[in-house]
Amino acid sequence: MMESRTIGDVTVVTTGPELNANVAPRARQFLEDLINGGVTKVVVDLSPLAFIDSAGLGSLISAVKTARAKGGDVRLCCLSQEVRTIFELTRLSKVFRMYADPDSAVMSFPRE
């Protein structure tokens, strides 16, 4: 489902091929556990993602709200054109900062 790795003080989470109603509750819990465990700088790598629905979007929105409440952020990278279009149509492209690759997303966070 979701895997994570750490680059400096940023945690990069890679999704599976789908982020839908079946997977979203586990994804939401995974991200919430990370953030509530003290991780405030999160990059979600969407490169494997082929399909996302409203439940999947909700899991990402929940994570970004929680992270921002704790002084952090959730940033996205590697969106396919189809997935990017969904973020644009729902205006979530104004909520999330999006990057071409994980390195750019990681480097966008301020260094401590």
N, C-alpha and C. Protein backbone atom coordinates (compact mmCIF):
# COMPACT_ATOMS: atom_id res chain seq x y z
N MET A 1 0.83 -1.19 0.00
CA MET A 1 0.00 0.00 0.00
C MET A 1 0.88 1.25 0.00
N MET A 2 1.26 1.76 1.16
CA MET A 2 2.12 2.94 1.23
C MET A 2 3.44 2.56 1.89
N GLU A 3 4.50 3.13 1.34
CA GLU A 3 5.84 2.92 1.90
C GLU A 3 6.42 4.28 2.21
N SER A 4 7.32 4.33 3.19
CA SER A 4 7.95 5.62 3.49
C SER A 4 9.46 5.45 3.63
N ARG A 5 10.14 6.54 3.34
CA ARG A 5 11.58 6.61 3.55
C ARG A 5 11.91 8.04 3.99
N THR A 6 13.02 8.21 4.65
CA THR A 6 13.38 9.52 5.17
C THR A 6 14.57 10.07 4.42
N ILE A 7 14.45 11.33 4.02
CA ILE A 7 15.56 12.06 3.39
C ILE A 7 15.78 13.29 4.26
N GLY A 8 16.84 13.28 5.04
CA GLY A 8 17.07 14.37 5.99
C GLY A 8 15.96 14.38 7.02
N ASP A 9 15.25 15.52 7.12
CA ASP A 9 14.15 15.62 8.08
C ASP A 9 12.79 15.55 7.37
N VAL A 10 12.79 15.06 6.13
CA VAL A 10 11.56 14.95 5.35
C VAL A 10 11.24 13.47 5.13
N THR A 11 9.99 13.09 5.32
CA THR A 11 9.56 11.72 5.07
C THR A 11 8.85 11.68 3.72
N VAL A 12 9.32 10.80 2.84
CA VAL A 12 8.72 10.63 1.52
C VAL A 12 7.87 9.36 1.57
N VAL A 13 6.58 9.51 1.29
CA VAL A 13 5.63 8.41 1.30
C VAL A 13 5.24 8.13 -0.15
N THR A 14 5.34 6.87 -0.56
CA THR A 14 4.96 6.48 -1.92
C THR A 14 3.65 5.71 -1.85
N THR A 15 2.72 6.12 -2.70
CA THR A 15 1.40 5.47 -2.72
C THR A 15 1.46 4.20 -3.56
N GLY A 16 0.37 3.47 -3.54
CA GLY A 16 0.19 2.35 -4.45
C GLY A 16 -0.48 2.85 -5.72
N PRO A 17 -0.95 1.94 -6.57
CA PRO A 17 -1.56 2.35 -7.84
C PRO A 17 -2.96 2.95 -7.71
N GLU A 18 -3.61 2.73 -6.58
CA GLU A 18 -4.95 3.28 -6.38
C GLU A 18 -5.05 3.93 -5.01
N LEU A 19 -5.77 5.02 -4.98
CA LEU A 19 -6.09 5.68 -3.71
C LEU A 19 -7.60 5.94 -3.78
N ASN A 20 -8.34 4.89 -3.44
CA ASN A 20 -9.81 4.91 -3.58
C ASN A 20 -10.46 4.57 -2.25
N ALA A 21 -11.78 4.41 -2.29
CA ALA A 21 -12.54 4.16 -1.06
C ALA A 21 -12.08 2.90 -0.32
N ASN A 22 -11.53 1.92 -1.03
CA ASN A 22 -11.03 0.71 -0.38
C ASN A 22 -9.72 0.94 0.36
N VAL A 23 -8.89 1.80 -0.18
CA VAL A 23 -7.53 2.01 0.34
C VAL A 23 -7.44 3.26 1.22
N ALA A 24 -8.29 4.24 0.96
CA ALA A 24 -8.18 5.55 1.62
C ALA A 24 -8.17 5.50 3.15
N PRO A 25 -9.01 4.67 3.80
CA PRO A 25 -8.94 4.66 5.27
C PRO A 25 -7.56 4.24 5.80
N ARG A 26 -6.95 3.26 5.16
CA ARG A 26 -5.61 2.83 5.59
C ARG A 26 -4.57 3.91 5.28
N ALA A 27 -4.71 4.56 4.12
CA ALA A 27 -3.79 5.63 3.75
C ALA A 27 -3.90 6.79 4.74
N ARG A 28 -5.14 7.16 5.07
CA ARG A 28 -5.36 8.24 6.02
C ARG A 28 -4.71 7.91 7.36
N GLN A 29 -4.91 6.68 7.84
CA GLN A 29 -4.34 6.27 9.12
C GLN A 29 -2.82 6.26 9.07
N PHE A 30 -2.26 5.77 7.97
CA PHE A 30 -0.80 5.74 7.79
C PHE A 30 -0.23 7.15 7.90
N LEU A 31 -0.83 8.09 7.17
CA LEU A 31 -0.33 9.47 7.18
C LEU A 31 -0.55 10.13 8.54
N GLU A 32 -1.71 9.91 9.13
CA GLU A 32 -2.00 10.49 10.45
C GLU A 32 -1.03 9.96 11.50
N ASP A 33 -0.74 8.66 11.45
CA ASP A 33 0.21 8.07 12.41
C ASP A 33 1.59 8.70 12.27
N LEU A 34 2.03 8.91 11.03
CA LEU A 34 3.33 9.55 10.80
C LEU A 34 3.36 10.95 11.41
N ILE A 35 2.35 11.73 11.06
CA ILE A 35 2.31 13.13 11.48
C ILE A 35 2.13 13.23 12.99
N ASN A 36 1.23 12.45 13.56
CA ASN A 36 1.04 12.47 15.01
C ASN A 36 2.24 11.91 15.75
N GLY A 37 3.07 11.14 15.04
CA GLY A 37 4.30 10.61 15.62
C GLY A 37 5.46 11.60 15.56
N GLY A 38 5.21 12.81 15.05
CA GLY A 38 6.25 13.84 15.05
C GLY A 38 6.80 14.22 13.69
N VAL A 39 6.38 13.55 12.64
CA VAL A 39 6.84 13.89 11.29
C VAL A 39 5.97 15.03 10.79
N THR A 40 6.59 16.19 10.51
CA THR A 40 5.78 17.32 10.05
C THR A 40 6.09 17.71 8.61
N LYS A 41 7.14 17.17 8.04
CA LYS A 41 7.49 17.46 6.64
C LYS A 41 7.29 16.17 5.84
N VAL A 42 6.23 16.15 5.04
CA VAL A 42 5.86 14.94 4.31
C VAL A 42 5.75 15.26 2.82
N VAL A 43 6.36 14.39 2.01
CA VAL A 43 6.18 14.43 0.56
C VAL A 43 5.46 13.14 0.19
N VAL A 44 4.37 13.26 -0.55
CA VAL A 44 3.66 12.09 -1.03
C VAL A 44 4.00 11.93 -2.52
N ASP A 45 4.71 10.85 -2.82
CA ASP A 45 5.11 10.51 -4.18
C ASP A 45 3.96 9.75 -4.83
N LEU A 46 3.34 10.37 -5.83
CA LEU A 46 2.18 9.78 -6.48
C LEU A 46 2.55 9.09 -7.79
N SER A 47 3.83 8.80 -8.02
CA SER A 47 4.24 8.21 -9.30
C SER A 47 3.54 6.88 -9.61
N PRO A 48 3.27 5.99 -8.63
CA PRO A 48 2.57 4.75 -8.97
C PRO A 48 1.07 4.93 -9.18
N LEU A 49 0.54 6.11 -8.78
CA LEU A 49 -0.90 6.30 -8.73
C LEU A 49 -1.53 6.41 -10.12
N ALA A 50 -2.47 5.52 -10.39
CA ALA A 50 -3.22 5.54 -11.65
C ALA A 50 -4.65 6.01 -11.44
N PHE A 51 -5.16 5.88 -10.19
CA PHE A 51 -6.56 6.22 -9.92
C PHE A 51 -6.71 6.80 -8.53
N ILE A 52 -7.43 7.91 -8.45
CA ILE A 52 -7.76 8.50 -7.15
C ILE A 52 -9.22 8.94 -7.19
N ASP A 53 -9.95 8.70 -6.09
CA ASP A 53 -11.33 9.15 -6.01
C ASP A 53 -11.47 10.13 -4.85
N SER A 54 -12.71 10.51 -4.55
CA SER A 54 -12.93 11.51 -3.51
C SER A 54 -12.44 11.04 -2.14
N ALA A 55 -12.54 9.75 -1.86
CA ALA A 55 -12.03 9.23 -0.59
C ALA A 55 -10.51 9.36 -0.52
N GLY A 56 -9.85 9.09 -1.62
CA GLY A 56 -8.40 9.25 -1.68
C GLY A 56 -7.99 10.70 -1.51
N LEU A 57 -8.71 11.60 -2.17
CA LEU A 57 -8.43 13.03 -2.01
C LEU A 57 -8.64 13.43 -0.54
N GLY A 58 -9.70 12.89 0.06
CA GLY A 58 -9.98 13.19 1.46
C GLY A 58 -8.86 12.77 2.39
N SER A 59 -8.24 11.64 2.11
CA SER A 59 -7.13 11.18 2.97
C SER A 59 -5.94 12.14 2.88
N LEU A 60 -5.69 12.70 1.70
CA LEU A 60 -4.60 13.66 1.54
C LEU A 60 -4.95 15.00 2.18
N ILE A 61 -6.21 15.42 2.04
CA ILE A 61 -6.65 16.68 2.66
C ILE A 61 -6.54 16.58 4.19
N SER A 62 -6.95 15.46 4.74
CA SER A 62 -6.86 15.25 6.18
C SER A 62 -5.40 15.36 6.64
N ALA A 63 -4.51 14.73 5.89
CA ALA A 63 -3.08 14.75 6.25
C ALA A 63 -2.51 16.16 6.20
N VAL A 64 -2.84 16.92 5.15
CA VAL A 64 -2.28 18.27 5.04
C VAL A 64 -2.82 19.17 6.15
N LYS A 65 -4.08 19.02 6.52
CA LYS A 65 -4.65 19.81 7.63
C LYS A 65 -3.93 19.50 8.94
N THR A 66 -3.74 18.21 9.20
CA THR A 66 -3.07 17.80 10.44
C THR A 66 -1.63 18.31 10.47
N ALA A 67 -0.91 18.15 9.36
CA ALA A 67 0.49 18.59 9.31
C ALA A 67 0.59 20.10 9.49
N ARG A 68 -0.27 20.85 8.82
CA ARG A 68 -0.21 22.32 8.93
C ARG A 68 -0.57 22.78 10.33
N ALA A 69 -1.47 22.08 10.99
CA ALA A 69 -1.82 22.42 12.37
C ALA A 69 -0.63 22.23 13.31
N LYS A 70 0.30 21.37 12.92
CA LYS A 70 1.49 21.10 13.73
C LYS A 70 2.71 21.86 13.21
N GLY A 71 2.49 22.81 12.29
CA GLY A 71 3.58 23.63 11.77
C GLY A 71 4.32 23.01 10.60
N GLY A 72 3.79 21.95 10.02
CA GLY A 72 4.45 21.30 8.89
C GLY A 72 3.64 21.43 7.62
N ASP A 73 3.87 20.51 6.70
CA ASP A 73 3.14 20.54 5.43
C ASP A 73 3.23 19.17 4.77
N VAL A 74 2.30 18.93 3.87
CA VAL A 74 2.33 17.75 3.00
C VAL A 74 2.41 18.29 1.58
N ARG A 75 3.42 17.85 0.85
CA ARG A 75 3.61 18.27 -0.54
C ARG A 75 3.54 17.04 -1.43
N LEU A 76 3.14 17.25 -2.66
CA LEU A 76 2.95 16.15 -3.60
C LEU A 76 3.98 16.21 -4.72
N CYS A 77 4.31 15.03 -5.26
CA CYS A 77 5.20 15.01 -6.42
C CYS A 77 4.81 13.88 -7.35
N CYS A 78 5.30 13.98 -8.56
CA CYS A 78 5.18 12.92 -9.57
C CYS A 78 3.73 12.61 -9.95
N LEU A 79 2.92 13.64 -10.12
CA LEU A 79 1.53 13.44 -10.52
C LEU A 79 1.46 13.18 -12.02
N SER A 80 0.75 12.14 -12.41
CA SER A 80 0.50 11.92 -13.84
C SER A 80 -0.42 13.04 -14.32
N GLN A 81 -0.51 13.21 -15.64
CA GLN A 81 -1.38 14.26 -16.16
C GLN A 81 -2.83 14.03 -15.74
N GLU A 82 -3.26 12.77 -15.72
CA GLU A 82 -4.64 12.46 -15.33
C GLU A 82 -4.90 12.84 -13.88
N VAL A 83 -3.97 12.49 -13.00
CA VAL A 83 -4.13 12.80 -11.57
C VAL A 83 -4.03 14.31 -11.36
N ARG A 84 -3.11 14.97 -12.05
CA ARG A 84 -2.97 16.43 -11.94
C ARG A 84 -4.28 17.12 -12.34
N THR A 85 -4.91 16.61 -13.39
CA THR A 85 -6.18 17.19 -13.86
C THR A 85 -7.25 17.12 -12.77
N ILE A 86 -7.30 16.02 -12.04
CA ILE A 86 -8.27 15.88 -10.94
C ILE A 86 -8.00 16.93 -9.87
N PHE A 87 -6.73 17.15 -9.54
CA PHE A 87 -6.38 18.17 -8.55
C PHE A 87 -6.75 19.56 -9.04
N GLU A 88 -6.59 19.80 -10.34
CA GLU A 88 -6.95 21.11 -10.89
C GLU A 88 -8.47 21.30 -10.92
N LEU A 89 -9.21 20.27 -11.35
CA LEU A 89 -10.67 20.37 -11.42
C LEU A 89 -11.31 20.59 -10.04
N THR A 90 -10.73 19.97 -9.03
CA THR A 90 -11.26 20.10 -7.67
C THR A 90 -10.66 21.30 -6.94
N ARG A 91 -9.80 22.02 -7.62
CA ARG A 91 -9.09 23.19 -7.07
C ARG A 91 -8.14 22.83 -5.93
N LEU A 92 -7.85 21.57 -5.77
CA LEU A 92 -6.89 21.16 -4.74
C LEU A 92 -5.46 21.51 -5.15
N SER A 93 -5.27 21.87 -6.41
CA SER A 93 -3.95 22.34 -6.84
C SER A 93 -3.60 23.65 -6.15
N LYS A 94 -4.60 24.32 -5.57
CA LYS A 94 -4.35 25.55 -4.81
C LYS A 94 -4.05 25.24 -3.34
N VAL A 95 -4.38 24.03 -2.91
CA VAL A 95 -4.15 23.62 -1.52
C VAL A 95 -2.76 23.00 -1.38
N PHE A 96 -2.39 22.16 -2.34
CA PHE A 96 -1.13 21.42 -2.27
C PHE A 96 -0.07 22.05 -3.16
N ARG A 97 1.16 22.06 -2.66
CA ARG A 97 2.29 22.41 -3.52
C ARG A 97 2.70 21.12 -4.22
N MET A 98 2.89 21.20 -5.54
CA MET A 98 3.17 20.02 -6.35
C MET A 98 4.50 20.19 -7.08
N TYR A 99 5.25 19.09 -7.14
CA TYR A 99 6.59 19.10 -7.72
C TYR A 99 6.76 17.96 -8.71
N ALA A 100 7.73 18.12 -9.59
CA ALA A 100 7.97 17.12 -10.64
C ALA A 100 8.58 15.84 -10.10
N ASP A 101 9.40 15.95 -9.04
CA ASP A 101 10.09 14.77 -8.53
C ASP A 101 10.30 14.89 -7.02
N PRO A 102 10.61 13.77 -6.37
CA PRO A 102 10.77 13.79 -4.90
C PRO A 102 11.86 14.74 -4.43
N ASP A 103 12.98 14.80 -5.15
CA ASP A 103 14.08 15.67 -4.71
C ASP A 103 13.66 17.13 -4.66
N SER A 104 12.95 17.58 -5.70
CA SER A 104 12.47 18.98 -5.72
C SER A 104 11.54 19.24 -4.56
N ALA A 105 10.64 18.30 -4.29
CA ALA A 105 9.69 18.45 -3.18
C ALA A 105 10.41 18.49 -1.84
N VAL A 106 11.37 17.60 -1.65
CA VAL A 106 12.14 17.57 -0.40
C VAL A 106 12.90 18.88 -0.23
N MET A 107 13.53 19.38 -1.30
CA MET A 107 14.32 20.59 -1.21
C MET A 107 13.46 21.85 -1.00
N SER A 108 12.15 21.75 -1.25
CA SER A 108 11.28 22.91 -1.09
C SER A 108 11.02 23.24 0.38
N PHE A 109 11.28 22.28 1.27
CA PHE A 109 11.10 22.55 2.69
C PHE A 109 12.28 23.35 3.22
N PRO A 110 12.02 24.29 4.13
CA PRO A 110 13.13 25.04 4.72
C PRO A 110 14.04 24.11 5.53
N ARG A 111 15.30 24.36 5.45
CA ARG A 111 16.29 23.58 6.23
C ARG A 111 16.30 24.09 7.66
N GLU A 112 16.44 23.16 8.59
CA GLU A 112 16.50 23.56 10.00
C GLU A 112 17.90 23.51 10.50
